[in-house]
Amino acid sequence: MRLLIGQDIGLPYLLPLALKVLRDNPMAEGDMYEGDLLSAVLTRNPAVWAESSGLGRELRVIVSELIDLPLDLQQKVERFLIQ
């Protein structure tokens, strides 16, 4: 799922599934590193979140509760939140 989301494939179908996973485990790991699914979701084009505002709101709730993130992931969260 992380790989397809990172390539912008099937986002209307995969983003809701990814958010379901992230609700339960925001640091869910695909096959690369802890938090790689979150990283893929956070770095989608802002237009994706404008089209799916409900999903964007849900992702904001998920990331607003995270603390002690690795620096690179924290930067991605901050960029997402200022969109």
Protein backbone atom coordinates (compact mmCIF):
# COMPACT_ATOMS: atom_id res chain seq x y z
CA MET A 1 0.00 0.00 0.00
CA ARG A 2 2.84 2.40 0.88
CA LEU A 3 4.48 1.86 -2.48
CA LEU A 4 1.29 2.46 -4.48
CA ILE A 5 0.40 5.56 -2.47
CA GLY A 6 3.93 6.87 -2.98
CA GLN A 7 3.40 6.50 -6.72
CA ASP A 8 -0.05 8.14 -6.61
CA ILE A 9 -1.74 4.96 -7.77
CA GLY A 10 -5.30 4.26 -6.65
CA LEU A 11 -5.38 7.07 -4.10
CA PRO A 12 -9.20 7.29 -3.90
CA TYR A 13 -9.23 3.65 -2.78
CA LEU A 14 -5.97 3.38 -0.87
CA LEU A 15 -5.98 6.56 1.22
CA PRO A 16 -9.09 5.55 3.21
CA LEU A 17 -7.49 2.15 3.86
CA ALA A 18 -4.20 3.76 4.86
CA LEU A 19 -5.94 6.11 7.29
CA LYS A 20 -7.70 3.14 8.86
CA VAL A 21 -4.29 1.55 9.48
CA LEU A 22 -2.80 4.83 10.71
CA ARG A 23 -5.66 5.37 13.17
CA ASP A 24 -4.64 2.15 14.92
CA ASN A 25 -0.88 2.52 14.43
CA PRO A 26 0.42 5.87 13.15
CA MET A 27 3.93 4.43 12.91
CA ALA A 28 2.84 1.42 10.85
CA GLU A 29 5.71 -0.01 8.87
CA GLY A 30 5.51 -1.16 5.26
CA ASP A 31 8.70 -2.81 4.19
CA MET A 32 11.16 0.05 4.63
CA TYR A 33 11.06 1.70 8.07
CA GLU A 34 8.75 2.51 10.94
CA GLY A 35 6.38 5.27 9.83
CA ASP A 36 6.88 4.75 6.10
CA LEU A 37 3.13 4.52 5.44
CA LEU A 38 2.58 7.80 7.26
CA SER A 39 5.40 9.36 5.27
CA ALA A 40 3.85 8.26 1.98
CA VAL A 41 0.44 9.59 2.97
CA LEU A 42 1.78 12.92 4.22
CA THR A 43 3.73 13.66 1.06
CA ARG A 44 0.86 13.41 -1.41
CA ASN A 45 0.07 16.48 -3.46
CA PRO A 46 -2.01 18.98 -1.45
CA ALA A 47 -4.66 18.81 -4.18
CA VAL A 48 -5.41 15.23 -3.10
CA TRP A 49 -6.41 16.48 0.34
CA ALA A 50 -8.45 19.34 -1.12
CA GLU A 51 -10.46 16.80 -3.12
CA SER A 52 -10.88 14.57 -0.06
CA SER A 53 -11.28 17.13 2.71
CA GLY A 54 -12.76 14.59 5.12
CA LEU A 55 -9.70 12.40 4.78
CA GLY A 56 -7.46 15.43 5.18
CA ARG A 57 -9.21 16.37 8.41
CA GLU A 58 -8.86 12.84 9.68
CA LEU A 59 -5.14 12.81 8.90
CA ARG A 60 -4.74 16.12 10.74
CA VAL A 61 -6.31 14.57 13.83
CA ILE A 62 -4.01 11.55 13.61
CA VAL A 63 -0.80 13.56 13.24
CA SER A 64 -1.77 16.21 15.79
CA GLU A 65 -1.56 13.57 18.51
CA LEU A 66 1.94 12.33 17.59
CA ILE A 67 4.98 13.15 19.68
CA ASP A 68 8.67 12.23 19.58
CA LEU A 69 8.76 11.62 15.84
CA PRO A 70 12.02 11.20 13.93
CA LEU A 71 13.12 14.57 12.55
CA ASP A 72 12.38 13.80 8.89
CA LEU A 73 8.88 12.56 9.70
CA GLN A 74 8.23 15.55 11.99
CA GLN A 75 9.16 17.87 9.11
CA LYS A 76 6.71 16.08 6.81
CA VAL A 77 3.98 16.44 9.43
CA GLU A 78 4.70 20.16 9.77
CA ARG A 79 4.61 20.67 5.99
CA PHE A 80 1.31 18.81 5.79
CA LEU A 81 -0.22 20.87 8.60
CA ILE A 82 0.61 24.22 6.99
CA GLN A 83 -1.07 23.28 3.69
